[in-house]
Amino acid sequence: MSNVQTINDVPVLLCDPEGEPIGGEGDVTDLVGNAAWSGAQWVVIPVERFGDDFFRLRTRVAGEIVQKFVTYRVGLVVLGDISAHEEASPALRDFVRECNRGRQTWFLTDLRQLRERLAG
């Protein structure tokens, strides 16, 4: 389940942590479509929804998912603590740092950070 909320005047589709697992780009097609249909500019997906392959960059799952959001011009927020994954992978840590510098994909630990980002 997901719902659209407005955070700092920005419509955001918030996904439930208990939803279907996301293992590839096909799993986010409906989320991107729902975001577009509802006018949401961002989709927030809790880390619990992603399989381990998302956090292993060599699988290319993260790249495929991020690319789907880029293609449809919908922002993606991966929400939650991924520090254990980052400690295990310097490549993932670099990927997260680069994403967080941009305006398309963010890895954030909580909604407070999202509010701050959208306010700026």
PDB file of N, CA and C in Angstrom:
ATOM      1  N   MET A   1       0.841  -1.172   0.000  1.00  0.00           N
ATOM      2  CA  MET A   1       0.000   0.000   0.000  1.00  0.00           C
ATOM      3  C   MET A   1       0.890   1.239   0.000  1.00  0.00           C
ATOM      4  N   SER A   2       0.386   2.292  -0.570  1.00  0.00           N
ATOM      5  CA  SER A   2       1.120   3.552  -0.591  1.00  0.00           C
ATOM      6  C   SER A   2       0.106   4.688  -0.571  1.00  0.00           C
ATOM      7  N   ASN A   3       0.579   5.861  -0.174  1.00  0.00           N
ATOM      8  CA  ASN A   3      -0.299   7.025  -0.157  1.00  0.00           C
ATOM      9  C   ASN A   3       0.497   8.263  -0.514  1.00  0.00           C
ATOM     10  N   VAL A   4      -0.198   9.243  -1.057  1.00  0.00           N
ATOM     11  CA  VAL A   4       0.441  10.492  -1.449  1.00  0.00           C
ATOM     12  C   VAL A   4       0.250  11.506  -0.331  1.00  0.00           C
ATOM     13  N   GLN A   5       1.355  12.112   0.051  1.00  0.00           N
ATOM     14  CA  GLN A   5       1.338  13.188   1.034  1.00  0.00           C
ATOM     15  C   GLN A   5       2.084  14.372   0.440  1.00  0.00           C
ATOM     16  N   THR A   6       1.781  15.530   0.937  1.00  0.00           N
ATOM     17  CA  THR A   6       2.506  16.727   0.518  1.00  0.00           C
ATOM     18  C   THR A   6       3.494  17.086   1.617  1.00  0.00           C
ATOM     19  N   ILE A   7       4.754  17.157   1.243  1.00  0.00           N
ATOM     20  CA  ILE A   7       5.816  17.521   2.178  1.00  0.00           C
ATOM     21  C   ILE A   7       6.488  18.769   1.621  1.00  0.00           C
ATOM     22  N   ASN A   8       6.388  19.861   2.345  1.00  0.00           N
ATOM     23  CA  ASN A   8       6.929  21.148   1.894  1.00  0.00           C
ATOM     24  C   ASN A   8       6.473  21.488   0.478  1.00  0.00           C
ATOM     25  N   ASP A   9       5.181  21.359   0.256  1.00  0.00           N
ATOM     26  CA  ASP A   9       4.533  21.670  -1.028  1.00  0.00           C
ATOM     27  C   ASP A   9       4.937  20.746  -2.177  1.00  0.00           C
ATOM     28  N   VAL A  10       5.541  19.611  -1.851  1.00  0.00           N
ATOM     29  CA  VAL A  10       5.943  18.649  -2.874  1.00  0.00           C
ATOM     30  C   VAL A  10       5.143  17.365  -2.676  1.00  0.00           C
ATOM     31  N   PRO A  11       4.405  16.916  -3.712  1.00  0.00           N
ATOM     32  CA  PRO A  11       3.665  15.663  -3.587  1.00  0.00           C
ATOM     33  C   PRO A  11       4.614  14.461  -3.610  1.00  0.00           C
ATOM     34  N   VAL A  12       4.465  13.598  -2.600  1.00  0.00           N
ATOM     35  CA  VAL A  12       5.365  12.463  -2.403  1.00  0.00           C
ATOM     36  C   VAL A  12       4.531  11.201  -2.218  1.00  0.00           C
ATOM     37  N   LEU A  13       4.858  10.145  -2.947  1.00  0.00           N
ATOM     38  CA  LEU A  13       4.213   8.850  -2.786  1.00  0.00           C
ATOM     39  C   LEU A  13       5.009   8.060  -1.759  1.00  0.00           C
ATOM     40  N   LEU A  14       4.415   7.806  -0.596  1.00  0.00           N
ATOM     41  CA  LEU A  14       5.069   7.071   0.484  1.00  0.00           C
ATOM     42  C   LEU A  14       4.630   5.612   0.432  1.00  0.00           C
ATOM     43  N   CYS A  15       5.583   4.725   0.303  1.00  0.00           N
ATOM     44  CA  CYS A  15       5.291   3.291   0.240  1.00  0.00           C
ATOM     45  C   CYS A  15       5.387   2.669   1.629  1.00  0.00           C
ATOM     46  N   ASP A  16       4.553   1.690   1.873  1.00  0.00           N
ATOM     47  CA  ASP A  16       4.557   0.951   3.130  1.00  0.00           C
ATOM     48  C   ASP A  16       5.771   0.026   3.213  1.00  0.00           C
ATOM     49  N   PRO A  17       6.364  -0.131   4.385  1.00  0.00           N
ATOM     50  CA  PRO A  17       7.475  -1.083   4.530  1.00  0.00           C
ATOM     51  C   PRO A  17       7.041  -2.524   4.296  1.00  0.00           C
ATOM     52  N   GLU A  18       5.782  -2.827   4.525  1.00  0.00           N
ATOM     53  CA  GLU A  18       5.307  -4.206   4.415  1.00  0.00           C
ATOM     54  C   GLU A  18       4.848  -4.598   3.021  1.00  0.00           C
ATOM     55  N   GLY A  19       5.061  -3.775   2.018  1.00  0.00           N
ATOM     56  CA  GLY A  19       4.594  -4.084   0.673  1.00  0.00           C
ATOM     57  C   GLY A  19       5.402  -5.181  -0.007  1.00  0.00           C
ATOM     58  N   GLU A  20       5.060  -5.405  -1.259  1.00  0.00           N
ATOM     59  CA  GLU A  20       5.748  -6.418  -2.064  1.00  0.00           C
ATOM     60  C   GLU A  20       7.240  -6.112  -2.146  1.00  0.00           C
ATOM     61  N   PRO A  21       8.083  -7.141  -2.124  1.00  0.00           N
ATOM     62  CA  PRO A  21       9.525  -6.921  -2.257  1.00  0.00           C
ATOM     63  C   PRO A  21       9.866  -6.366  -3.641  1.00  0.00           C
ATOM     64  N   ILE A  22      10.906  -5.577  -3.673  1.00  0.00           N
ATOM     65  CA  ILE A  22      11.368  -4.979  -4.921  1.00  0.00           C
ATOM     66  C   ILE A  22      12.708  -5.612  -5.275  1.00  0.00           C
ATOM     67  N   GLY A  23      12.703  -6.364  -6.355  1.00  0.00           N
ATOM     68  CA  GLY A  23      13.910  -7.076  -6.751  1.00  0.00           C
ATOM     69  C   GLY A  23      14.461  -6.662  -8.095  1.00  0.00           C
ATOM     70  N   GLY A  24      13.750  -5.797  -8.808  1.00  0.00           N
ATOM     71  CA  GLY A  24      14.215  -5.367 -10.112  1.00  0.00           C
ATOM     72  C   GLY A  24      13.360  -4.244 -10.659  1.00  0.00           C
ATOM     73  N   GLU A  25      13.733  -3.780 -11.848  1.00  0.00           N
ATOM     74  CA  GLU A  25      13.042  -2.624 -12.412  1.00  0.00           C
ATOM     75  C   GLU A  25      11.573  -2.912 -12.694  1.00  0.00           C
ATOM     76  N   GLY A  26      11.230  -4.146 -13.012  1.00  0.00           N
ATOM     77  CA  GLY A  26       9.836  -4.492 -13.242  1.00  0.00           C
ATOM     78  C   GLY A  26       8.972  -4.300 -12.010  1.00  0.00           C
ATOM     79  N   ASP A  27       9.566  -4.433 -10.855  1.00  0.00           N
ATOM     80  CA  ASP A  27       8.825  -4.284  -9.601  1.00  0.00           C
ATOM     81  C   ASP A  27       8.492  -2.835  -9.272  1.00  0.00           C
ATOM     82  N   VAL A  28       9.135  -1.887  -9.939  1.00  0.00           N
ATOM     83  CA  VAL A  28       8.859  -0.479  -9.650  1.00  0.00           C
ATOM     84  C   VAL A  28       8.004   0.179 -10.727  1.00  0.00           C
ATOM     85  N   THR A  29       7.685  -0.554 -11.779  1.00  0.00           N
ATOM     86  CA  THR A  29       6.892   0.023 -12.860  1.00  0.00           C
ATOM     87  C   THR A  29       5.563   0.569 -12.346  1.00  0.00           C
ATOM     88  N   ASP A  30       4.868  -0.208 -11.519  1.00  0.00           N
ATOM     89  CA  ASP A  30       3.591   0.264 -10.975  1.00  0.00           C
ATOM     90  C   ASP A  30       3.775   1.473 -10.063  1.00  0.00           C
ATOM     91  N   LEU A  31       4.859   1.482  -9.292  1.00  0.00           N
ATOM     92  CA  LEU A  31       5.105   2.625  -8.403  1.00  0.00           C
ATOM     93  C   LEU A  31       5.332   3.898  -9.214  1.00  0.00           C
ATOM     94  N   VAL A  32       6.109   3.792 -10.275  1.00  0.00           N
ATOM     95  CA  VAL A  32       6.359   4.958 -11.133  1.00  0.00           C
ATOM     96  C   VAL A  32       5.048   5.408 -11.772  1.00  0.00           C
ATOM     97  N   GLY A  33       4.253   4.444 -12.246  1.00  0.00           N
ATOM     98  CA  GLY A  33       2.958   4.776 -12.842  1.00  0.00           C
ATOM     99  C   GLY A  33       2.012   5.420 -11.847  1.00  0.00           C
ATOM    100  N   ASN A  34       1.957   4.878 -10.637  1.00  0.00           N
ATOM    101  CA  ASN A  34       1.104   5.451  -9.589  1.00  0.00           C
ATOM    102  C   ASN A  34       1.539   6.865  -9.237  1.00  0.00           C
ATOM    103  N   ALA A  35       2.848   7.076  -9.191  1.00  0.00           N
ATOM    104  CA  ALA A  35       3.360   8.412  -8.887  1.00  0.00           C
ATOM    105  C   ALA A  35       2.939   9.392  -9.972  1.00  0.00           C
ATOM    106  N   ALA A  36       3.114   8.997 -11.226  1.00  0.00           N
ATOM    107  CA  ALA A  36       2.744   9.874 -12.338  1.00  0.00           C
ATOM    108  C   ALA A  36       1.243  10.152 -12.325  1.00  0.00           C
ATOM    109  N   TRP A  37       0.436   9.118 -12.109  1.00  0.00           N
ATOM    110  CA  TRP A  37      -1.018   9.260 -12.104  1.00  0.00           C
ATOM    111  C   TRP A  37      -1.492  10.189 -10.993  1.00  0.00           C
ATOM    112  N   SER A  38      -0.851  10.092  -9.831  1.00  0.00           N
ATOM    113  CA  SER A  38      -1.275  10.888  -8.680  1.00  0.00           C
ATOM    114  C   SER A  38      -0.590  12.255  -8.603  1.00  0.00           C
ATOM    115  N   GLY A  39       0.342  12.518  -9.513  1.00  0.00           N
ATOM    116  CA  GLY A  39       1.037  13.803  -9.516  1.00  0.00           C
ATOM    117  C   GLY A  39       2.196  13.885  -8.546  1.00  0.00           C
ATOM    118  N   ALA A  40       2.608  12.743  -7.981  1.00  0.00           N
ATOM    119  CA  ALA A  40       3.736  12.746  -7.036  1.00  0.00           C
ATOM    120  C   ALA A  40       5.045  12.980  -7.791  1.00  0.00           C
ATOM    121  N   GLN A  41       5.891  13.798  -7.217  1.00  0.00           N
ATOM    122  CA  GLN A  41       7.195  14.077  -7.814  1.00  0.00           C
ATOM    123  C   GLN A  41       8.276  13.145  -7.281  1.00  0.00           C
ATOM    124  N   TRP A  42       8.018  12.530  -6.136  1.00  0.00           N
ATOM    125  CA  TRP A  42       8.972  11.625  -5.498  1.00  0.00           C
ATOM    126  C   TRP A  42       8.258  10.361  -5.048  1.00  0.00           C
ATOM    127  N   VAL A  43       8.980   9.239  -5.059  1.00  0.00           N
ATOM    128  CA  VAL A  43       8.507   7.989  -4.477  1.00  0.00           C
ATOM    129  C   VAL A  43       9.479   7.623  -3.366  1.00  0.00           C
ATOM    130  N   VAL A  44       8.942   7.383  -2.179  1.00  0.00           N
ATOM    131  CA  VAL A  44       9.750   7.023  -1.010  1.00  0.00           C
ATOM    132  C   VAL A  44       9.535   5.538  -0.739  1.00  0.00           C
ATOM    133  N   ILE A  45      10.618   4.760  -0.843  1.00  0.00           N
ATOM    134  CA  ILE A  45      10.542   3.320  -0.643  1.00  0.00           C
ATOM    135  C   ILE A  45      11.414   2.942   0.549  1.00  0.00           C
ATOM    136  N   PRO A  46      10.823   2.344   1.572  1.00  0.00           N
ATOM    137  CA  PRO A  46      11.605   1.897   2.735  1.00  0.00           C
ATOM    138  C   PRO A  46      12.604   0.803   2.336  1.00  0.00           C
ATOM    139  N   VAL A  47      13.764   0.810   2.972  1.00  0.00           N
ATOM    140  CA  VAL A  47      14.814  -0.166   2.637  1.00  0.00           C
ATOM    141  C   VAL A  47      14.346  -1.599   2.814  1.00  0.00           C
ATOM    142  N   GLU A  48      13.382  -1.818   3.700  1.00  0.00           N
ATOM    143  CA  GLU A  48      12.883  -3.177   3.939  1.00  0.00           C
ATOM    144  C   GLU A  48      12.301  -3.810   2.681  1.00  0.00           C
ATOM    145  N   ARG A  49      11.905  -2.997   1.733  1.00  0.00           N
ATOM    146  CA  ARG A  49      11.279  -3.505   0.514  1.00  0.00           C
ATOM    147  C   ARG A  49      12.296  -4.029  -0.495  1.00  0.00           C
ATOM    148  N   PHE A  50      13.558  -3.630  -0.348  1.00  0.00           N
ATOM    149  CA  PHE A  50      14.579  -4.015  -1.312  1.00  0.00           C
ATOM    150  C   PHE A  50      15.271  -5.314  -0.909  1.00  0.00           C
ATOM    151  N   GLY A  51      15.508  -6.162  -1.894  1.00  0.00           N
ATOM    152  CA  GLY A  51      16.283  -7.369  -1.662  1.00  0.00           C
ATOM    153  C   GLY A  51      17.757  -7.037  -1.550  1.00  0.00           C
ATOM    154  N   ASP A  52      18.548  -7.992  -1.073  1.00  0.00           N
ATOM    155  CA  ASP A  52      19.993  -7.769  -0.911  1.00  0.00           C
ATOM    156  C   ASP A  52      20.686  -7.434  -2.219  1.00  0.00           C
ATOM    157  N   ASP A  53      20.181  -7.934  -3.344  1.00  0.00           N
ATOM    158  CA  ASP A  53      20.817  -7.648  -4.627  1.00  0.00           C
ATOM    159  C   ASP A  53      20.826  -6.161  -4.956  1.00  0.00           C
ATOM    160  N   PHE A  54      19.854  -5.423  -4.457  1.00  0.00           N
ATOM    161  CA  PHE A  54      19.824  -3.981  -4.680  1.00  0.00           C
ATOM    162  C   PHE A  54      21.092  -3.329  -4.126  1.00  0.00           C
ATOM    163  N   PHE A  55      21.576  -3.838  -3.005  1.00  0.00           N
ATOM    164  CA  PHE A  55      22.717  -3.238  -2.329  1.00  0.00           C
ATOM    165  C   PHE A  55      24.055  -3.810  -2.791  1.00  0.00           C
ATOM    166  N   ARG A  56      24.039  -4.778  -3.688  1.00  0.00           N
ATOM    167  CA  ARG A  56      25.259  -5.314  -4.312  1.00  0.00           C
ATOM    168  C   ARG A  56      25.310  -4.768  -5.734  1.00  0.00           C
ATOM    169  N   LEU A  57      26.080  -3.725  -5.930  1.00  0.00           N
ATOM    170  CA  LEU A  57      26.049  -3.003  -7.189  1.00  0.00           C
ATOM    171  C   LEU A  57      26.412  -3.869  -8.388  1.00  0.00           C
ATOM    172  N   ARG A  58      27.213  -4.895  -8.188  1.00  0.00           N
ATOM    173  CA  ARG A  58      27.604  -5.747  -9.322  1.00  0.00           C
ATOM    174  C   ARG A  58      26.405  -6.459  -9.950  1.00  0.00           C
ATOM    175  N   THR A  59      25.288  -6.563  -9.224  1.00  0.00           N
ATOM    176  CA  THR A  59      24.090  -7.194  -9.779  1.00  0.00           C
ATOM    177  C   THR A  59      23.354  -6.263 -10.747  1.00  0.00           C
ATOM    178  N   ARG A  60      23.641  -4.984 -10.675  1.00  0.00           N
ATOM    179  CA  ARG A  60      23.029  -3.939 -11.509  1.00  0.00           C
ATOM    180  C   ARG A  60      21.556  -3.669 -11.190  1.00  0.00           C
ATOM    181  N   VAL A  61      21.043  -4.281 -10.143  1.00  0.00           N
ATOM    182  CA  VAL A  61      19.640  -4.073  -9.776  1.00  0.00           C
ATOM    183  C   VAL A  61      19.396  -2.609  -9.405  1.00  0.00           C
ATOM    184  N   ALA A  62      20.246  -2.042  -8.578  1.00  0.00           N
ATOM    185  CA  ALA A  62      20.067  -0.644  -8.163  1.00  0.00           C
ATOM    186  C   ALA A  62      20.111   0.280  -9.374  1.00  0.00           C
ATOM    187  N   GLY A  63      21.051   0.051 -10.263  1.00  0.00           N
ATOM    188  CA  GLY A  63      21.164   0.887 -11.455  1.00  0.00           C
ATOM    189  C   GLY A  63      19.933   0.816 -12.333  1.00  0.00           C
ATOM    190  N   GLU A  64      19.380  -0.375 -12.497  1.00  0.00           N
ATOM    191  CA  GLU A  64      18.168  -0.543 -13.313  1.00  0.00           C
ATOM    192  C   GLU A  64      16.975   0.167 -12.681  1.00  0.00           C
ATOM    193  N   ILE A  65      16.856   0.043 -11.370  1.00  0.00           N
ATOM    194  CA  ILE A  65      15.742   0.684 -10.673  1.00  0.00           C
ATOM    195  C   ILE A  65      15.875   2.199 -10.730  1.00  0.00           C
ATOM    196  N   VAL A  66      17.058   2.700 -10.437  1.00  0.00           N
ATOM    197  CA  VAL A  66      17.278   4.148 -10.486  1.00  0.00           C
ATOM    198  C   VAL A  66      17.010   4.664 -11.896  1.00  0.00           C
ATOM    199  N   GLN A  67      17.468   3.942 -12.904  1.00  0.00           N
ATOM    200  CA  GLN A  67      17.268   4.373 -14.289  1.00  0.00           C
ATOM    201  C   GLN A  67      15.793   4.465 -14.649  1.00  0.00           C
ATOM    202  N   LYS A  68      14.985   3.545 -14.145  1.00  0.00           N
ATOM    203  CA  LYS A  68      13.534   3.581 -14.403  1.00  0.00           C
ATOM    204  C   LYS A  68      12.950   4.900 -13.884  1.00  0.00           C
ATOM    205  N   PHE A  69      13.355   5.299 -12.682  1.00  0.00           N
ATOM    206  CA  PHE A  69      12.858   6.555 -12.115  1.00  0.00           C
ATOM    207  C   PHE A  69      13.373   7.754 -12.896  1.00  0.00           C
ATOM    208  N   VAL A  70      14.630   7.721 -13.314  1.00  0.00           N
ATOM    209  CA  VAL A  70      15.200   8.812 -14.104  1.00  0.00           C
ATOM    210  C   VAL A  70      14.442   8.959 -15.418  1.00  0.00           C
ATOM    211  N   THR A  71      14.186   7.844 -16.073  1.00  0.00           N
ATOM    212  CA  THR A  71      13.502   7.859 -17.366  1.00  0.00           C
ATOM    213  C   THR A  71      12.148   8.553 -17.278  1.00  0.00           C
ATOM    214  N   TYR A  72      11.428   8.299 -16.202  1.00  0.00           N
ATOM    215  CA  TYR A  72      10.093   8.877 -16.047  1.00  0.00           C
ATOM    216  C   TYR A  72      10.089  10.166 -15.231  1.00  0.00           C
ATOM    217  N   ARG A  73      11.275  10.675 -14.931  1.00  0.00           N
ATOM    218  CA  ARG A  73      11.433  11.953 -14.223  1.00  0.00           C
ATOM    219  C   ARG A  73      10.675  11.992 -12.895  1.00  0.00           C
ATOM    220  N   VAL A  74      10.799  10.899 -12.164  1.00  0.00           N
ATOM    221  CA  VAL A  74      10.230  10.800 -10.822  1.00  0.00           C
ATOM    222  C   VAL A  74      11.390  10.565  -9.863  1.00  0.00           C
ATOM    223  N   GLY A  75      11.463  11.345  -8.795  1.00  0.00           N
ATOM    224  CA  GLY A  75      12.535  11.184  -7.822  1.00  0.00           C
ATOM    225  C   GLY A  75      12.342   9.920  -6.994  1.00  0.00           C
ATOM    226  N   LEU A  76      13.440   9.336  -6.566  1.00  0.00           N
ATOM    227  CA  LEU A  76      13.424   8.130  -5.740  1.00  0.00           C
ATOM    228  C   LEU A  76      14.140   8.407  -4.428  1.00  0.00           C
ATOM    229  N   VAL A  77      13.481   8.062  -3.330  1.00  0.00           N
ATOM    230  CA  VAL A  77      14.109   8.119  -2.014  1.00  0.00           C
ATOM    231  C   VAL A  77      14.114   6.704  -1.452  1.00  0.00           C
ATOM    232  N   VAL A  78      15.303   6.202  -1.133  1.00  0.00           N
ATOM    233  CA  VAL A  78      15.453   4.940  -0.420  1.00  0.00           C
ATOM    234  C   VAL A  78      15.569   5.341   1.046  1.00  0.00           C
ATOM    235  N   LEU A  79      14.578   4.942   1.840  1.00  0.00           N
ATOM    236  CA  LEU A  79      14.458   5.454   3.199  1.00  0.00           C
ATOM    237  C   LEU A  79      14.773   4.385   4.240  1.00  0.00           C
ATOM    238  N   GLY A  80      15.770   4.680   5.075  1.00  0.00           N
ATOM    239  CA  GLY A  80      16.122   3.773   6.156  1.00  0.00           C
ATOM    240  C   GLY A  80      17.621   3.641   6.315  1.00  0.00           C
ATOM    241  N   ASP A  81      18.001   2.827   7.255  1.00  0.00           N
ATOM    242  CA  ASP A  81      19.415   2.644   7.598  1.00  0.00           C
ATOM    243  C   ASP A  81      20.046   1.576   6.704  1.00  0.00           C
ATOM    244  N   ILE A  82      21.012   1.994   5.899  1.00  0.00           N
ATOM    245  CA  ILE A  82      21.740   1.039   5.054  1.00  0.00           C
ATOM    246  C   ILE A  82      23.218   0.985   5.439  1.00  0.00           C
ATOM    247  N   SER A  83      23.537   1.428   6.641  1.00  0.00           N
ATOM    248  CA  SER A  83      24.935   1.520   7.059  1.00  0.00           C
ATOM    249  C   SER A  83      25.656   0.171   6.994  1.00  0.00           C
ATOM    250  N   ALA A  84      24.986  -0.905   7.330  1.00  0.00           N
ATOM    251  CA  ALA A  84      25.637  -2.223   7.263  1.00  0.00           C
ATOM    252  C   ALA A  84      26.012  -2.567   5.826  1.00  0.00           C
ATOM    253  N   HIS A  85      25.146  -2.231   4.888  1.00  0.00           N
ATOM    254  CA  HIS A  85      25.451  -2.481   3.473  1.00  0.00           C
ATOM    255  C   HIS A  85      26.613  -1.592   3.012  1.00  0.00           C
ATOM    256  N   GLU A  86      26.622  -0.341   3.466  1.00  0.00           N
ATOM    257  CA  GLU A  86      27.692   0.585   3.086  1.00  0.00           C
ATOM    258  C   GLU A  86      29.036   0.163   3.663  1.00  0.00           C
ATOM    259  N   GLU A  87      29.029  -0.345   4.895  1.00  0.00           N
ATOM    260  CA  GLU A  87      30.277  -0.817   5.508  1.00  0.00           C
ATOM    261  C   GLU A  87      30.857  -1.997   4.743  1.00  0.00           C
ATOM    262  N   ALA A  88      29.982  -2.811   4.181  1.00  0.00           N
ATOM    263  CA  ALA A  88      30.427  -3.997   3.443  1.00  0.00           C
ATOM    264  C   ALA A  88      30.860  -3.678   2.020  1.00  0.00           C
ATOM    265  N   SER A  89      30.526  -2.495   1.523  1.00  0.00           N
ATOM    266  CA  SER A  89      30.803  -2.187   0.128  1.00  0.00           C
ATOM    267  C   SER A  89      31.213  -0.731  -0.073  1.00  0.00           C
ATOM    268  N   PRO A  90      32.494  -0.487  -0.279  1.00  0.00           N
ATOM    269  CA  PRO A  90      32.931   0.877  -0.594  1.00  0.00           C
ATOM    270  C   PRO A  90      32.274   1.414  -1.872  1.00  0.00           C
ATOM    271  N   ALA A  91      32.014   0.528  -2.833  1.00  0.00           N
ATOM    272  CA  ALA A  91      31.366   0.960  -4.075  1.00  0.00           C
ATOM    273  C   ALA A  91      29.955   1.479  -3.789  1.00  0.00           C
ATOM    274  N   LEU A  92      29.216   0.794  -2.934  1.00  0.00           N
ATOM    275  CA  LEU A  92      27.879   1.252  -2.579  1.00  0.00           C
ATOM    276  C   LEU A  92      27.960   2.579  -1.835  1.00  0.00           C
ATOM    277  N   ARG A  93      28.898   2.695  -0.934  1.00  0.00           N
ATOM    278  CA  ARG A  93      29.070   3.946  -0.185  1.00  0.00           C
ATOM    279  C   ARG A  93      29.313   5.107  -1.158  1.00  0.00           C
ATOM    280  N   ASP A  94      30.145   4.897  -2.178  1.00  0.00           N
ATOM    281  CA  ASP A  94      30.409   5.937  -3.183  1.00  0.00           C
ATOM    282  C   ASP A  94      29.158   6.250  -4.001  1.00  0.00           C
ATOM    283  N   PHE A  95      28.416   5.198  -4.366  1.00  0.00           N
ATOM    284  CA  PHE A  95      27.182   5.365  -5.132  1.00  0.00           C
ATOM    285  C   PHE A  95      26.178   6.209  -4.350  1.00  0.00           C
ATOM    286  N   VAL A  96      26.013   5.899  -3.080  1.00  0.00           N
ATOM    287  CA  VAL A  96      25.077   6.637  -2.217  1.00  0.00           C
ATOM    288  C   VAL A  96      25.513   8.096  -2.108  1.00  0.00           C
ATOM    289  N   ARG A  97      26.791   8.324  -1.906  1.00  0.00           N
ATOM    290  CA  ARG A  97      27.301   9.695  -1.777  1.00  0.00           C
ATOM    291  C   ARG A  97      26.996  10.489  -3.055  1.00  0.00           C
ATOM    292  N   GLU A  98      27.247   9.883  -4.216  1.00  0.00           N
ATOM    293  CA  GLU A  98      26.997  10.573  -5.485  1.00  0.00           C
ATOM    294  C   GLU A  98      25.503  10.823  -5.685  1.00  0.00           C
ATOM    295  N   CYS A  99      24.685   9.837  -5.381  1.00  0.00           N
ATOM    296  CA  CYS A  99      23.232  10.019  -5.509  1.00  0.00           C
ATOM    297  C   CYS A  99      22.755  11.165  -4.626  1.00  0.00           C
ATOM    298  N   ASN A 100      23.232  11.215  -3.404  1.00  0.00           N
ATOM    299  CA  ASN A 100      22.777  12.237  -2.457  1.00  0.00           C
ATOM    300  C   ASN A 100      23.233  13.637  -2.833  1.00  0.00           C
ATOM    301  N   ARG A 101      24.202  13.746  -3.706  1.00  0.00           N
ATOM    302  CA  ARG A 101      24.632  15.064  -4.199  1.00  0.00           C
ATOM    303  C   ARG A 101      23.694  15.584  -5.281  1.00  0.00           C
ATOM    304  N   GLY A 102      22.933  14.693  -5.873  1.00  0.00           N
ATOM    305  CA  GLY A 102      22.070  15.064  -6.983  1.00  0.00           C
ATOM    306  C   GLY A 102      20.659  15.430  -6.560  1.00  0.00           C
ATOM    307  N   ARG A 103      19.784  15.491  -7.554  1.00  0.00           N
ATOM    308  CA  ARG A 103      18.403  15.885  -7.315  1.00  0.00           C
ATOM    309  C   ARG A 103      17.419  14.834  -7.826  1.00  0.00           C
ATOM    310  N   GLN A 104      17.878  13.592  -7.996  1.00  0.00           N
ATOM    311  CA  GLN A 104      17.027  12.553  -8.551  1.00  0.00           C
ATOM    312  C   GLN A 104      16.838  11.359  -7.618  1.00  0.00           C
ATOM    313  N   THR A 105      17.902  10.931  -6.967  1.00  0.00           N
ATOM    314  CA  THR A 105      17.866   9.756  -6.100  1.00  0.00           C
ATOM    315  C   THR A 105      18.580  10.089  -4.803  1.00  0.00           C
ATOM    316  N   TRP A 106      17.881   9.836  -3.692  1.00  0.00           N
ATOM    317  CA  TRP A 106      18.464  10.106  -2.381  1.00  0.00           C
ATOM    318  C   TRP A 106      18.346   8.868  -1.500  1.00  0.00           C
ATOM    319  N   PHE A 107      19.360   8.642  -0.712  1.00  0.00           N
ATOM    320  CA  PHE A 107      19.357   7.616   0.329  1.00  0.00           C
ATOM    321  C   PHE A 107      19.308   8.361   1.656  1.00  0.00           C
ATOM    322  N   LEU A 108      18.180   8.295   2.336  1.00  0.00           N
ATOM    323  CA  LEU A 108      17.970   9.049   3.566  1.00  0.00           C
ATOM    324  C   LEU A 108      17.552   8.106   4.684  1.00  0.00           C
ATOM    325  N   THR A 109      17.894   8.466   5.906  1.00  0.00           N
ATOM    326  CA  THR A 109      17.586   7.577   7.022  1.00  0.00           C
ATOM    327  C   THR A 109      16.181   7.757   7.577  1.00  0.00           C
ATOM    328  N   ASP A 110      15.597   8.957   7.423  1.00  0.00           N
ATOM    329  CA  ASP A 110      14.262   9.173   7.991  1.00  0.00           C
ATOM    330  C   ASP A 110      13.537  10.300   7.259  1.00  0.00           C
ATOM    331  N   LEU A 111      12.257  10.449   7.581  1.00  0.00           N
ATOM    332  CA  LEU A 111      11.436  11.472   6.924  1.00  0.00           C
ATOM    333  C   LEU A 111      11.871  12.884   7.282  1.00  0.00           C
ATOM    334  N   ARG A 112      12.487  13.063   8.437  1.00  0.00           N
ATOM    335  CA  ARG A 112      12.999  14.390   8.813  1.00  0.00           C
ATOM    336  C   ARG A 112      14.006  14.869   7.774  1.00  0.00           C
ATOM    337  N   GLN A 113      14.905  13.970   7.365  1.00  0.00           N
ATOM    338  CA  GLN A 113      15.893  14.337   6.328  1.00  0.00           C
ATOM    339  C   GLN A 113      15.209  14.693   5.014  1.00  0.00           C
ATOM    340  N   LEU A 114      14.156  13.959   4.689  1.00  0.00           N
ATOM    341  CA  LEU A 114      13.424  14.259   3.461  1.00  0.00           C
ATOM    342  C   LEU A 114      12.794  15.635   3.541  1.00  0.00           C
ATOM    343  N   ARG A 115      12.180  15.951   4.660  1.00  0.00           N
ATOM    344  CA  ARG A 115      11.587  17.287   4.835  1.00  0.00           C
ATOM    345  C   ARG A 115      12.635  18.378   4.651  1.00  0.00           C
ATOM    346  N   GLU A 116      13.819  18.159   5.232  1.00  0.00           N
ATOM    347  CA  GLU A 116      14.899  19.145   5.102  1.00  0.00           C
ATOM    348  C   GLU A 116      15.329  19.295   3.638  1.00  0.00           C
ATOM    349  N   ARG A 117      15.480  18.170   2.953  1.00  0.00           N
ATOM    350  CA  ARG A 117      15.895  18.219   1.546  1.00  0.00           C
ATOM    351  C   ARG A 117      14.868  18.937   0.689  1.00  0.00           C
ATOM    352  N   LEU A 118      13.606  18.630   0.905  1.00  0.00           N
ATOM    353  CA  LEU A 118      12.556  19.230   0.086  1.00  0.00           C
ATOM    354  C   LEU A 118      12.330  20.698   0.438  1.00  0.00           C
ATOM    355  N   ALA A 119      12.743  21.111   1.619  1.00  0.00           N
ATOM    356  CA  ALA A 119      12.614  22.511   2.015  1.00  0.00           C
ATOM    357  C   ALA A 119      13.675  23.369   1.341  1.00  0.00           C
ATOM    358  N   GLY A 120      14.815  22.753   1.032  1.00  0.00           N
ATOM    359  CA  GLY A 120      15.949  23.503   0.499  1.00  0.00           C
ATOM    360  C   GLY A 120      15.860  23.693  -0.960  1.00  0.00           C
TER     361      GLY A 120
END
